[in-house]
C-alpha atoms as a PDB file:
ATOM      1  CA  MET A   1      13.685   5.785 -29.627  1.00  0.00           C
ATOM      2  CA  PRO A   2      11.738   4.718 -26.891  1.00  0.00           C
ATOM      3  CA  LEU A   3      11.613   1.345 -25.529  1.00  0.00           C
ATOM      4  CA  SER A   4       8.343  -0.621 -26.353  1.00  0.00           C
ATOM      5  CA  PRO A   5       6.417  -2.434 -23.636  1.00  0.00           C
ATOM      6  CA  HIS A   6       7.718  -5.756 -24.845  1.00  0.00           C
ATOM      7  CA  HIS A   7      11.661  -4.484 -24.255  1.00  0.00           C
ATOM      8  CA  LEU A   8      10.571  -3.084 -20.941  1.00  0.00           C
ATOM      9  CA  HIS A   9       9.352  -6.215 -19.797  1.00  0.00           C
ATOM     10  CA  ARG A  10      11.735  -8.569 -21.785  1.00  0.00           C
ATOM     11  CA  SER A  11      13.984  -9.649 -18.610  1.00  0.00           C
ATOM     12  CA  VAL A  12      10.951  -9.305 -15.869  1.00  0.00           C
ATOM     13  CA  ASP A  13      10.063 -12.318 -13.943  1.00  0.00           C
ATOM     14  CA  PRO A  14       6.717 -13.378 -15.383  1.00  0.00           C
ATOM     15  CA  ARG A  15       5.243 -13.553 -11.667  1.00  0.00           C
ATOM     16  CA  LEU A  16       5.818  -9.403 -11.406  1.00  0.00           C
ATOM     17  CA  GLN A  17       4.149  -9.274 -14.951  1.00  0.00           C
ATOM     18  CA  THR A  18       1.273 -10.952 -14.017  1.00  0.00           C
ATOM     19  CA  ALA A  19       0.884  -9.616 -10.544  1.00  0.00           C
ATOM     20  CA  ARG A  20      -2.302  -7.275  -9.673  1.00  0.00           C
ATOM     21  CA  ILE A  21      -1.275  -5.078  -7.014  1.00  0.00           C
ATOM     22  CA  PHE A  22      -4.008  -2.815  -4.874  1.00  0.00           C
ATOM     23  CA  ILE A  23      -2.470   0.641  -3.484  1.00  0.00           C
ATOM     24  CA  LEU A  24      -4.509   2.550  -1.087  1.00  0.00           C
ATOM     25  CA  GLY A  25      -3.543   6.111  -1.782  1.00  0.00           C
ATOM     26  CA  ALA A  26      -1.634   8.157  -4.413  1.00  0.00           C
ATOM     27  CA  GLY A  27       0.060  10.652  -2.136  1.00  0.00           C
ATOM     28  CA  GLY A  28       3.213  10.782  -0.115  1.00  0.00           C
ATOM     29  CA  LEU A  29       3.801   7.156   0.097  1.00  0.00           C
ATOM     30  CA  GLY A  30       1.157   5.876  -2.738  1.00  0.00           C
ATOM     31  CA  ALA A  31       3.118   8.123  -5.560  1.00  0.00           C
ATOM     32  CA  PRO A  32       6.790   6.982  -5.207  1.00  0.00           C
ATOM     33  CA  LEU A  33       5.581   3.488  -4.351  1.00  0.00           C
ATOM     34  CA  ALA A  34       3.368   3.074  -7.516  1.00  0.00           C
ATOM     35  CA  TRP A  35       6.488   4.505  -9.563  1.00  0.00           C
ATOM     36  CA  PHE A  36       8.998   1.839  -8.215  1.00  0.00           C
ATOM     37  CA  LEU A  37       6.357  -0.699  -8.614  1.00  0.00           C
ATOM     38  CA  ALA A  38       6.060  -0.142 -12.313  1.00  0.00           C
ATOM     39  CA  ARG A  39       9.702   0.185 -12.808  1.00  0.00           C
ATOM     40  CA  ALA A  40       9.742  -3.157 -11.209  1.00  0.00           C
ATOM     41  CA  GLY A  41       7.840  -4.589 -13.946  1.00  0.00           C
ATOM     42  CA  ILE A  42       4.407  -5.220 -11.903  1.00  0.00           C
ATOM     43  CA  GLY A  43       2.025  -5.724 -14.436  1.00  0.00           C
ATOM     44  CA  HIS A  44      -1.369  -4.235 -13.149  1.00  0.00           C
ATOM     45  CA  LEU A  45      -1.423  -1.541 -10.626  1.00  0.00           C
ATOM     46  CA  VAL A  46      -5.072  -0.769  -9.073  1.00  0.00           C
ATOM     47  CA  ILE A  47      -4.727   2.737  -7.144  1.00  0.00           C
ATOM     48  CA  ALA A  48      -7.486   4.182  -5.004  1.00  0.00           C
ATOM     49  CA  ASP A  49      -7.551   7.615  -3.912  1.00  0.00           C
ATOM     50  CA  SER A  50     -10.331  10.210  -3.508  1.00  0.00           C
ATOM     51  CA  ASP A  51      -8.490  13.225  -2.970  1.00  0.00           C
ATOM     52  CA  ARG A  52      -7.153  16.047  -5.822  1.00  0.00           C
ATOM     53  CA  VAL A  53      -4.098  17.192  -6.641  1.00  0.00           C
ATOM     54  CA  GLU A  54      -2.955  20.190  -4.714  1.00  0.00           C
ATOM     55  CA  ARG A  55       0.010  22.033  -5.193  1.00  0.00           C
ATOM     56  CA  SER A  56       1.530  21.407  -1.536  1.00  0.00           C
ATOM     57  CA  ASN A  57       1.358  17.971  -2.738  1.00  0.00           C
ATOM     58  CA  LEU A  58       4.040  18.545  -5.619  1.00  0.00           C
ATOM     59  CA  PRO A  59       7.491  18.696  -3.371  1.00  0.00           C
ATOM     60  CA  ARG A  60       6.698  14.932  -2.489  1.00  0.00           C
ATOM     61  CA  GLN A  61       4.000  13.378  -4.287  1.00  0.00           C
ATOM     62  CA  ILE A  62       6.197  12.298  -7.820  1.00  0.00           C
ATOM     63  CA  LEU A  63       3.491  11.301  -9.574  1.00  0.00           C
ATOM     64  CA  HIS A  64       1.830  14.505 -10.030  1.00  0.00           C
ATOM     65  CA  VAL A  65       2.609  17.565 -11.770  1.00  0.00           C
ATOM     66  CA  THR A  66       1.831  21.384 -11.707  1.00  0.00           C
ATOM     67  CA  ALA A  67      -0.847  21.181 -14.912  1.00  0.00           C
ATOM     68  CA  ARG A  68      -2.838  18.681 -12.707  1.00  0.00           C
ATOM     69  CA  VAL A  69      -3.347  20.698  -9.900  1.00  0.00           C
ATOM     70  CA  GLY A  70      -7.318  19.905  -9.328  1.00  0.00           C
ATOM     71  CA  ALA A  71      -7.346  16.644 -11.169  1.00  0.00           C
ATOM     72  CA  PRO A  72      -7.996  13.211  -9.233  1.00  0.00           C
ATOM     73  CA  LYS A  73      -5.031  11.976  -7.645  1.00  0.00           C
ATOM     74  CA  ALA A  74      -5.797   8.441  -8.977  1.00  0.00           C
ATOM     75  CA  GLU A  75      -6.203   9.627 -12.588  1.00  0.00           C
ATOM     76  CA  SER A  76      -3.003  11.825 -12.324  1.00  0.00           C
ATOM     77  CA  ALA A  77      -0.858   8.686 -11.227  1.00  0.00           C
ATOM     78  CA  ARG A  78      -2.307   6.885 -14.082  1.00  0.00           C
ATOM     79  CA  LEU A  79      -1.166   9.212 -16.622  1.00  0.00           C
ATOM     80  CA  THR A  80       2.110   9.590 -15.277  1.00  0.00           C
ATOM     81  CA  LEU A  81       2.845   5.816 -14.868  1.00  0.00           C
ATOM     82  CA  GLN A  82       1.498   5.140 -18.498  1.00  0.00           C
ATOM     83  CA  ARG A  83       3.949   7.565 -19.577  1.00  0.00           C
ATOM     84  CA  ILE A  84       7.028   6.285 -17.863  1.00  0.00           C
ATOM     85  CA  HIS A  85       5.876   2.624 -18.042  1.00  0.00           C
ATOM     86  CA  PRO A  86       3.438   1.661 -20.569  1.00  0.00           C
ATOM     87  CA  ALA A  87       3.926  -1.960 -19.995  1.00  0.00           C
ATOM     88  CA  THR A  88       1.941  -1.497 -16.548  1.00  0.00           C
ATOM     89  CA  ARG A  89      -1.710  -1.390 -16.695  1.00  0.00           C
ATOM     90  CA  VAL A  90      -2.999   1.064 -14.441  1.00  0.00           C
ATOM     91  CA  THR A  91      -6.642   0.973 -13.082  1.00  0.00           C
ATOM     92  CA  PRO A  92      -7.648   4.279 -10.890  1.00  0.00           C
ATOM     93  CA  ILE A  93     -10.261   4.237  -8.294  1.00  0.00           C
ATOM     94  CA  PRO A  94     -10.818   8.062  -7.987  1.00  0.00           C
ATOM     95  CA  ALA A  95     -13.403   7.446  -5.242  1.00  0.00           C
ATOM     96  CA  ARG A  96     -13.483   7.179  -1.296  1.00  0.00           C
ATOM     97  CA  ILE A  97     -12.941   3.393  -0.008  1.00  0.00           C
ATOM     98  CA  THR A  98     -15.896   2.169   2.152  1.00  0.00           C
ATOM     99  CA  ALA A  99     -16.674  -0.688   3.597  1.00  0.00           C
ATOM    100  CA  THR A 100     -19.235  -0.744   0.958  1.00  0.00           C
ATOM    101  CA  ASN A 101     -16.572  -0.964  -1.955  1.00  0.00           C
ATOM    102  CA  ILE A 102     -13.478  -2.408  -0.379  1.00  0.00           C
ATOM    103  CA  LEU A 103     -14.322  -5.752  -1.465  1.00  0.00           C
ATOM    104  CA  GLN A 104     -14.979  -5.288  -4.811  1.00  0.00           C
ATOM    105  CA  ALA A 105     -11.703  -2.856  -5.242  1.00  0.00           C
ATOM    106  CA  VAL A 106      -9.474  -5.552  -3.687  1.00  0.00           C
ATOM    107  CA  ALA A 107     -10.991  -8.774  -5.463  1.00  0.00           C
ATOM    108  CA  GLY A 108      -8.870  -9.993  -7.976  1.00  0.00           C
ATOM    109  CA  CYS A 109      -5.483  -8.448  -6.609  1.00  0.00           C
ATOM    110  CA  ASP A 110      -2.372 -10.783  -5.421  1.00  0.00           C
ATOM    111  CA  LEU A 111      -1.538  -8.098  -2.741  1.00  0.00           C
ATOM    112  CA  ALA A 112      -2.612  -4.896  -1.105  1.00  0.00           C
ATOM    113  CA  VAL A 113      -0.637  -2.091   0.100  1.00  0.00           C
ATOM    114  CA  ASP A 114      -1.615   0.664   2.594  1.00  0.00           C
ATOM    115  CA  GLY A 115      -0.305   3.782   1.625  1.00  0.00           C
ATOM    116  CA  SER A 116      -3.072   6.228   3.483  1.00  0.00           C
ATOM    117  CA  ASP A 117      -3.182   8.036   6.462  1.00  0.00           C
ATOM    118  CA  ASN A 118      -6.915   7.465   6.818  1.00  0.00           C
ATOM    119  CA  TYR A 119      -6.952   5.391  10.106  1.00  0.00           C
ATOM    120  CA  SER A 120     -10.285   3.802   9.392  1.00  0.00           C
ATOM    121  CA  ALA A 121      -9.434   3.041   5.791  1.00  0.00           C
ATOM    122  CA  ARG A 122      -6.480   0.934   7.205  1.00  0.00           C
ATOM    123  CA  HIS A 123      -8.772  -1.157   9.343  1.00  0.00           C
ATOM    124  CA  ARG A 124     -11.121  -1.707   6.297  1.00  0.00           C
ATOM    125  CA  LEU A 125      -8.287  -2.807   3.974  1.00  0.00           C
ATOM    126  CA  ASN A 126      -6.915  -4.944   6.656  1.00  0.00           C
ATOM    127  CA  ARG A 127     -10.210  -7.027   6.944  1.00  0.00           C
ATOM    128  CA  ALA A 128     -10.725  -7.026   3.018  1.00  0.00           C
ATOM    129  CA  CYS A 129      -7.312  -8.623   2.847  1.00  0.00           C
ATOM    130  CA  LEU A 130      -8.394 -11.230   5.293  1.00  0.00           C
ATOM    131  CA  ASN A 131     -11.687 -11.952   3.523  1.00  0.00           C
ATOM    132  CA  CYS A 132      -9.859 -12.125   0.337  1.00  0.00           C
ATOM    133  CA  ARG A 133      -7.104 -14.055   1.302  1.00  0.00           C
ATOM    134  CA  ILE A 134      -4.048 -11.969   0.465  1.00  0.00           C
ATOM    135  CA  PRO A 135      -1.335 -10.429   2.272  1.00  0.00           C
ATOM    136  CA  LEU A 136      -1.275  -6.954   3.491  1.00  0.00           C
ATOM    137  CA  VAL A 137       1.960  -4.656   2.993  1.00  0.00           C
ATOM    138  CA  SER A 138       1.546  -1.532   5.276  1.00  0.00           C
ATOM    139  CA  GLY A 139       3.386   1.888   5.789  1.00  0.00           C
ATOM    140  CA  ALA A 140       3.352   4.847   7.372  1.00  0.00           C
ATOM    141  CA  VAL A 141       5.753   8.259   7.581  1.00  0.00           C
ATOM    142  CA  SER A 142       5.676  11.246  10.089  1.00  0.00           C
ATOM    143  CA  GLY A 143       8.531  13.627   9.928  1.00  0.00           C
ATOM    144  CA  PHE A 144      11.619  11.858   9.968  1.00  0.00           C
ATOM    145  CA  GLU A 145      10.327   8.426  10.833  1.00  0.00           C
ATOM    146  CA  GLY A 146       8.497   5.728   9.117  1.00  0.00           C
ATOM    147  CA  GLN A 147       7.166   2.149   9.332  1.00  0.00           C
ATOM    148  CA  VAL A 148       6.711  -0.921   7.362  1.00  0.00           C
ATOM    149  CA  ALA A 149       5.097  -4.088   7.984  1.00  0.00           C
ATOM    150  CA  THR A 150       3.974  -7.267   6.043  1.00  0.00           C
ATOM    151  CA  PHE A 151       0.936  -9.219   7.213  1.00  0.00           C
ATOM    152  CA  HIS A 152       0.527 -12.733   5.948  1.00  0.00           C
ATOM    153  CA  HIS A 153      -2.899 -13.225   7.885  1.00  0.00           C
ATOM    154  CA  GLY A 154      -4.995 -13.511   4.500  1.00  0.00           C
ATOM    155  CA  VAL A 155      -2.781 -16.655   3.841  1.00  0.00           C
ATOM    156  CA  ASP A 156      -1.481 -18.053   7.169  1.00  0.00           C
ATOM    157  CA  PRO A 157      -4.088 -18.156   9.816  1.00  0.00           C
ATOM    158  CA  GLU A 158      -1.192 -18.255  12.709  1.00  0.00           C
ATOM    159  CA  ALA A 159       0.268 -14.580  11.357  1.00  0.00           C
ATOM    160  CA  PRO A 160      -0.922 -11.397  13.165  1.00  0.00           C
ATOM    161  CA  CYS A 161      -2.944  -8.907  11.293  1.00  0.00           C
ATOM    162  CA  TYR A 162      -2.843  -4.990  11.438  1.00  0.00           C
ATOM    163  CA  HIS A 163      -5.666  -5.367  14.180  1.00  0.00           C
ATOM    164  CA  CYS A 164      -3.345  -7.214  16.306  1.00  0.00           C
ATOM    165  CA  LEU A 165      -0.715  -4.338  16.125  1.00  0.00           C
ATOM    166  CA  TYR A 166      -2.982  -1.354  16.330  1.00  0.00           C
ATOM    167  CA  PRO A 167      -6.423  -2.395  17.569  1.00  0.00           C
ATOM    168  CA  GLU A 168      -9.487  -0.088  16.645  1.00  0.00           C
ATOM    169  CA  THR A 169     -10.666   1.729  19.882  1.00  0.00           C
ATOM    170  CA  ASN A 170     -13.965   2.072  18.757  1.00  0.00           C
ATOM    171  CA  ALA A 171     -15.630  -0.415  16.170  1.00  0.00           C
ATOM    172  CA  ASN A 172     -17.749   2.880  14.951  1.00  0.00           C
ATOM    173  CA  ASP A 173     -14.731   5.161  14.850  1.00  0.00           C
ATOM    174  CA  THR A 174     -15.402   7.457  11.883  1.00  0.00           C
ATOM    175  CA  SER A 175     -12.323   9.294  12.275  1.00  0.00           C
ATOM    176  CA  GLU A 176     -10.394   9.818   8.849  1.00  0.00           C
ATOM    177  CA  THR A 177      -6.669  11.014   9.767  1.00  0.00           C
ATOM    178  CA  ASP A 178      -4.262   8.904  11.890  1.00  0.00           C
ATOM    179  CA  PRO A 179      -2.621  11.576  14.024  1.00  0.00           C
ATOM    180  CA  THR A 180       0.714   9.928  13.656  1.00  0.00           C
ATOM    181  CA  THR A 181       1.090  10.598   9.696  1.00  0.00           C
ATOM    182  CA  CYS A 182       2.038  13.474   7.287  1.00  0.00           C
ATOM    183  CA  ALA A 183      -1.562  15.117   7.382  1.00  0.00           C
ATOM    184  CA  THR A 184      -0.596  16.368  10.730  1.00  0.00           C
ATOM    185  CA  ALA A 185       2.776  15.958  11.860  1.00  0.00           C
ATOM    186  CA  GLY A 186       4.441  16.855   8.331  1.00  0.00           C
ATOM    187  CA  VAL A 187       6.811  14.640   6.355  1.00  0.00           C
ATOM    188  CA  LEU A 188       9.930  15.299   4.191  1.00  0.00           C
ATOM    189  CA  GLY A 189       9.738  13.526   0.570  1.00  0.00           C
ATOM    190  CA  PRO A 190      12.916  11.773   1.129  1.00  0.00           C
ATOM    191  CA  VAL A 191      11.667   9.984   4.245  1.00  0.00           C
ATOM    192  CA  ALA A 192       8.504   9.056   2.153  1.00  0.00           C
ATOM    193  CA  GLY A 193      10.656   7.868  -0.779  1.00  0.00           C
ATOM    194  CA  VAL A 194      12.542   5.601   1.455  1.00  0.00           C
ATOM    195  CA  ILE A 195       9.561   3.959   3.182  1.00  0.00           C
ATOM    196  CA  ALA A 196       7.838   3.666  -0.243  1.00  0.00           C
ATOM    197  CA  ALA A 197      11.100   2.003  -1.468  1.00  0.00           C
ATOM    198  CA  LEU A 198      10.955  -0.569   1.256  1.00  0.00           C
ATOM    199  CA  LEU A 199       7.409  -1.262   0.951  1.00  0.00           C
ATOM    200  CA  ALA A 200       8.157  -2.038  -2.986  1.00  0.00           C
ATOM    201  CA  ALA A 201      10.780  -4.272  -2.127  1.00  0.00           C
ATOM    202  CA  GLU A 202       8.284  -6.120   0.325  1.00  0.00           C
ATOM    203  CA  VAL A 203       5.867  -6.329  -2.501  1.00  0.00           C
ATOM    204  CA  VAL A 204       8.356  -7.687  -5.002  1.00  0.00           C
ATOM    205  CA  LYS A 205       9.528 -10.333  -2.507  1.00  0.00           C
ATOM    206  CA  THR A 206       5.959 -11.395  -1.516  1.00  0.00           C
ATOM    207  CA  VAL A 207       5.244 -11.735  -5.051  1.00  0.00           C
ATOM    208  CA  LEU A 208       8.473 -13.918  -5.696  1.00  0.00           C
ATOM    209  CA  ASN A 209       7.622 -15.636  -2.674  1.00  0.00           C
ATOM    210  CA  ARG A 210      11.171 -14.902  -1.404  1.00  0.00           C
ATOM    211  CA  PRO A 211      10.186 -13.398   2.303  1.00  0.00           C
ATOM    212  CA  ALA A 212      13.249 -13.260   4.826  1.00  0.00           C
ATOM    213  CA  PRO A 213      12.344 -15.336   8.125  1.00  0.00           C
ATOM    214  CA  HIS A 214      11.534 -12.023  10.054  1.00  0.00           C
ATOM    215  CA  ASP A 215       9.549 -10.428   7.507  1.00  0.00           C
ATOM    216  CA  THR A 216       6.320 -12.016   8.786  1.00  0.00           C
ATOM    217  CA  GLY A 217       5.014 -10.802  12.243  1.00  0.00           C
ATOM    218  CA  SER A 218       7.385  -7.967  12.712  1.00  0.00           C
ATOM    219  CA  LEU A 219       7.175  -4.283  12.289  1.00  0.00           C
ATOM    220  CA  ARG A 220      10.337  -2.173  10.914  1.00  0.00           C
ATOM    221  CA  LEU A 221      10.898   1.177  12.237  1.00  0.00           C
ATOM    222  CA  ILE A 222      13.272   3.437  10.367  1.00  0.00           C
ATOM    223  CA  ASN A 223      14.065   6.709  11.892  1.00  0.00           C
ATOM    224  CA  LEU A 224      16.145   8.802   9.414  1.00  0.00           C
ATOM    225  CA  ARG A 225      17.208  11.592  11.772  1.00  0.00           C
ATOM    226  CA  ASN A 226      19.442   9.528  13.799  1.00  0.00           C
ATOM    227  CA  SER A 227      19.953   6.488  11.338  1.00  0.00           C
ATOM    228  CA  LEU A 228      18.082   4.175  13.649  1.00  0.00           C
ATOM    229  CA  ASP A 229      16.646   0.710  11.819  1.00  0.00           C
ATOM    230  CA  LEU A 230      14.945  -1.726  14.193  1.00  0.00           C
ATOM    231  CA  ARG A 231      12.622  -4.651  14.323  1.00  0.00           C
ATOM    232  CA  ILE A 232       9.859  -5.054  16.733  1.00  0.00           C
ATOM    233  CA  ALA A 233       7.748  -8.632  16.975  1.00  0.00           C
ATOM    234  CA  ILE A 234       3.912  -8.483  16.592  1.00  0.00           C
ATOM    235  CA  PRO A 235       2.276 -11.073  18.555  1.00  0.00           C
ATOM    236  CA  LYS A 236      -0.599 -12.613  16.957  1.00  0.00           C
ATOM    237  CA  ASP A 237      -3.847 -11.303  19.635  1.00  0.00           C
ATOM    238  CA  PRO A 238      -5.501 -14.553  20.476  1.00  0.00           C
ATOM    239  CA  ALA A 239      -8.511 -12.568  20.865  1.00  0.00           C
ATOM    240  CA  CYS A 240      -8.504 -10.420  17.874  1.00  0.00           C
ATOM    241  CA  PRO A 241     -11.884  -9.571  16.548  1.00  0.00           C
ATOM    242  CA  VAL A 242     -10.682  -9.660  12.965  1.00  0.00           C
ATOM    243  CA  CYS A 243      -8.305 -12.412  12.367  1.00  0.00           C
ATOM    244  CA  ALA A 244      -9.031 -14.879  15.396  1.00  0.00           C
ATOM    245  CA  ARG A 245     -12.555 -15.480  13.675  1.00  0.00           C
ATOM    246  CA  PRO A 246     -13.417 -16.952  10.415  1.00  0.00           C
ATOM    247  CA  PRO A 247     -13.511 -14.704   7.585  1.00  0.00           C
ATOM    248  CA  ILE A 248     -16.750 -13.035   6.692  1.00  0.00           C
ATOM    249  CA  LEU A 249     -17.083 -14.143   3.381  1.00  0.00           C
ATOM    250  CA  PRO A 250     -16.551 -18.167   2.255  1.00  0.00           C
ATOM    251  CA  ASN A 251     -14.767 -17.093  -0.745  1.00  0.00           C
ATOM    252  CA  PRO A 252     -13.160 -14.179  -2.305  1.00  0.00           C
ATOM    253  CA  PRO A 253     -15.819 -12.101  -4.408  1.00  0.00           C
ATOM    254  CA  THR A 254     -15.657 -12.703  -7.999  1.00  0.00           C
END
């Protein structure tokens, strides 16, 4: 007999049950990430992705199946998560995240995770997290390599932000794809799964307020080809145009 939502969440920390997490992307990183977070007992996932399921996605994007080829990824993710973990509420946003709708999408969330391969969207999400005063967990994969970083600039004014690490070369840059990600360099499904698991762990630690001393202000680099795992400190840029100035909005939108 399948377990009810009550049984599935009976031993889950209430802070996880009440957490609302925004995920940008339901692809190579976002799909396994959402799976892990639902299994961890996160109560509400908001998943934004404007793409549709393609047959080439299926080897690594574990929330999608052959029968949904052509369907919006955000909706496909909702259907799978609803089946495997009905206690987790999923709000799909099958639309492109823009400077116009990003604040509305993130509003009310406790934390945001960037699992996209969209360079400009990453910077939009970074600014939105600062304005909404929430942490940002960021991940990327390329080939055998991946990286993970947690930015607490939304809650700690002394912490660096994503722009401190990867400055926008052009404030009006309209490029869509980060050239270092799977869209151009390719990625192995197991690599995406490892990085997604690390991202999920960062989310859970942040929600439970159990960060390690090195979690804030560092970039973790993983290379599964040679088993490399190292951390690089991220200095806060005192002249950063994003986090070195007050938020654009005085309060998060309601």
